[in-house]
């Protein structure tokens, strides 16, 4: 499912126009992005938890040349599925 299909699905389920459903989805994504950027977790009970964690700097290899390269430390977004979602998938 891509973003347009998700917007159509939301619009049909809730009875909104596709424009309003798109605005709602964009607001949802922006809220999660803002929270993760500020170091906050987003917990949706039954669905899952979005979090940001730090990844340490490390030395990697260039696959073409085999030369060692330094990979900078950075933050990465993570998602852990909740029990209800996990049970629905299985």
C-alpha atoms as a PDB file:
ATOM      1  CA  UNK A   1       0.000   0.000   0.000  1.00  0.00           C
ATOM      2  CA  UNK A   2       1.383   3.409  -0.908  1.00  0.00           C
ATOM      3  CA  UNK A   3       0.478   6.810   0.549  1.00  0.00           C
ATOM      4  CA  UNK A   4      -2.322   7.525  -1.960  1.00  0.00           C
ATOM      5  CA  UNK A   5      -3.926   4.142  -1.293  1.00  0.00           C
ATOM      6  CA  UNK A   6      -3.686   4.769   2.462  1.00  0.00           C
ATOM      7  CA  UNK A   7      -5.351   8.179   2.041  1.00  0.00           C
ATOM      8  CA  UNK A   8      -8.166   6.591   0.009  1.00  0.00           C
ATOM      9  CA  UNK A   9      -8.614   3.887   2.653  1.00  0.00           C
ATOM     10  CA  UNK A  10      -8.784   6.454   5.467  1.00  0.00           C
ATOM     11  CA  UNK A  11     -11.257   8.600   3.513  1.00  0.00           C
ATOM     12  CA  UNK A  12     -13.526   5.609   2.871  1.00  0.00           C
ATOM     13  CA  UNK A  13     -13.378   4.304   6.462  1.00  0.00           C
ATOM     14  CA  UNK A  14     -14.102   7.631   8.146  1.00  0.00           C
ATOM     15  CA  UNK A  15     -16.255   9.264   5.499  1.00  0.00           C
ATOM     16  CA  UNK A  16     -13.898  12.162   4.791  1.00  0.00           C
ATOM     17  CA  UNK A  17     -12.870  13.664   1.505  1.00  0.00           C
ATOM     18  CA  UNK A  18      -9.499  12.559   0.197  1.00  0.00           C
ATOM     19  CA  UNK A  19      -8.197  16.095   0.737  1.00  0.00           C
ATOM     20  CA  UNK A  20      -9.083  16.074   4.428  1.00  0.00           C
ATOM     21  CA  UNK A  21      -7.753  12.539   4.848  1.00  0.00           C
ATOM     22  CA  UNK A  22      -4.462  13.630   3.231  1.00  0.00           C
ATOM     23  CA  UNK A  23      -4.211  16.603   5.620  1.00  0.00           C
ATOM     24  CA  UNK A  24      -4.899  14.343   8.602  1.00  0.00           C
ATOM     25  CA  UNK A  25      -2.240  11.839   7.513  1.00  0.00           C
ATOM     26  CA  UNK A  26       0.295  14.614   6.876  1.00  0.00           C
ATOM     27  CA  UNK A  27      -0.432  16.072  10.335  1.00  0.00           C
ATOM     28  CA  UNK A  28       0.023  12.618  11.910  1.00  0.00           C
ATOM     29  CA  UNK A  29       3.377  12.147  10.175  1.00  0.00           C
ATOM     30  CA  UNK A  30       4.510  15.678  11.105  1.00  0.00           C
ATOM     31  CA  UNK A  31       3.595  15.150  14.766  1.00  0.00           C
ATOM     32  CA  UNK A  32       5.583  11.905  14.955  1.00  0.00           C
ATOM     33  CA  UNK A  33       8.546  13.475  13.138  1.00  0.00           C
ATOM     34  CA  UNK A  34       8.541  16.498  15.473  1.00  0.00           C
ATOM     35  CA  UNK A  35       8.385  14.323  18.587  1.00  0.00           C
ATOM     36  CA  UNK A  36      11.228  12.054  17.429  1.00  0.00           C
ATOM     37  CA  UNK A  37      13.357  15.066  16.485  1.00  0.00           C
ATOM     38  CA  UNK A  38      12.892  16.370  20.050  1.00  0.00           C
ATOM     39  CA  UNK A  39      13.920  13.028  21.557  1.00  0.00           C
ATOM     40  CA  UNK A  40      10.412  11.995  22.621  1.00  0.00           C
ATOM     41  CA  UNK A  41       8.870   8.564  22.054  1.00  0.00           C
ATOM     42  CA  UNK A  42       5.425   8.193  20.482  1.00  0.00           C
ATOM     43  CA  UNK A  43       3.397   5.334  21.997  1.00  0.00           C
ATOM     44  CA  UNK A  44       0.191   4.188  20.317  1.00  0.00           C
ATOM     45  CA  UNK A  45      -1.267   1.522  22.594  1.00  0.00           C
ATOM     46  CA  UNK A  46      -1.968  -1.658  20.656  1.00  0.00           C
ATOM     47  CA  UNK A  47      -0.212  -0.380  17.531  1.00  0.00           C
ATOM     48  CA  UNK A  48       3.384   0.263  18.528  1.00  0.00           C
ATOM     49  CA  UNK A  49       6.072   2.663  19.647  1.00  0.00           C
ATOM     50  CA  UNK A  50       8.124   5.045  17.538  1.00  0.00           C
ATOM     51  CA  UNK A  51      11.453   6.054  19.088  1.00  0.00           C
ATOM     52  CA  UNK A  52      14.769   7.627  18.181  1.00  0.00           C
ATOM     53  CA  UNK A  53      18.043   6.139  19.316  1.00  0.00           C
ATOM     54  CA  UNK A  54      21.689   7.042  18.906  1.00  0.00           C
ATOM     55  CA  UNK A  55      23.932   4.981  16.684  1.00  0.00           C
ATOM     56  CA  UNK A  56      27.625   5.245  17.553  1.00  0.00           C
ATOM     57  CA  UNK A  57      30.319   6.174  15.043  1.00  0.00           C
ATOM     58  CA  UNK A  58      32.040   3.193  13.456  1.00  0.00           C
ATOM     59  CA  UNK A  59      34.532   2.211  10.799  1.00  0.00           C
ATOM     60  CA  UNK A  60      33.134   0.686   7.626  1.00  0.00           C
ATOM     61  CA  UNK A  61      34.491  -0.474   4.278  1.00  0.00           C
ATOM     62  CA  UNK A  62      33.954   0.937   0.808  1.00  0.00           C
ATOM     63  CA  UNK A  63      32.571  -2.063  -1.121  1.00  0.00           C
ATOM     64  CA  UNK A  64      34.318  -1.048  -4.372  1.00  0.00           C
ATOM     65  CA  UNK A  65      37.795  -0.322  -3.090  1.00  0.00           C
ATOM     66  CA  UNK A  66      37.855  -2.045   0.279  1.00  0.00           C
ATOM     67  CA  UNK A  67      39.219   1.148   1.831  1.00  0.00           C
ATOM     68  CA  UNK A  68      38.285   1.911   5.424  1.00  0.00           C
ATOM     69  CA  UNK A  69      35.844   4.797   5.873  1.00  0.00           C
ATOM     70  CA  UNK A  70      34.582   6.512   9.000  1.00  0.00           C
ATOM     71  CA  UNK A  71      30.795   6.432   9.473  1.00  0.00           C
ATOM     72  CA  UNK A  72      29.562   9.293  11.660  1.00  0.00           C
ATOM     73  CA  UNK A  73      27.397   8.876  14.743  1.00  0.00           C
ATOM     74  CA  UNK A  74      23.737   9.654  14.114  1.00  0.00           C
ATOM     75  CA  UNK A  75      20.203   9.249  15.350  1.00  0.00           C
ATOM     76  CA  UNK A  76      17.958   6.610  13.794  1.00  0.00           C
ATOM     77  CA  UNK A  77      14.200   6.170  13.946  1.00  0.00           C
ATOM     78  CA  UNK A  78      12.877   2.853  15.249  1.00  0.00           C
ATOM     79  CA  UNK A  79       9.454   1.240  15.419  1.00  0.00           C
ATOM     80  CA  UNK A  80       8.456  -1.589  17.724  1.00  0.00           C
ATOM     81  CA  UNK A  81       5.115  -3.237  16.950  1.00  0.00           C
ATOM     82  CA  UNK A  82       2.591  -3.512  19.771  1.00  0.00           C
ATOM     83  CA  UNK A  83       0.993  -6.778  20.809  1.00  0.00           C
ATOM     84  CA  UNK A  84      -2.324  -6.143  19.000  1.00  0.00           C
ATOM     85  CA  UNK A  85      -0.566  -5.337  15.728  1.00  0.00           C
ATOM     86  CA  UNK A  86       1.780  -8.288  16.091  1.00  0.00           C
ATOM     87  CA  UNK A  87      -1.136 -10.660  16.706  1.00  0.00           C
ATOM     88  CA  UNK A  88      -3.032  -9.260  13.697  1.00  0.00           C
ATOM     89  CA  UNK A  89      -0.033  -9.845  11.429  1.00  0.00           C
ATOM     90  CA  UNK A  90       0.403 -13.403  12.654  1.00  0.00           C
END
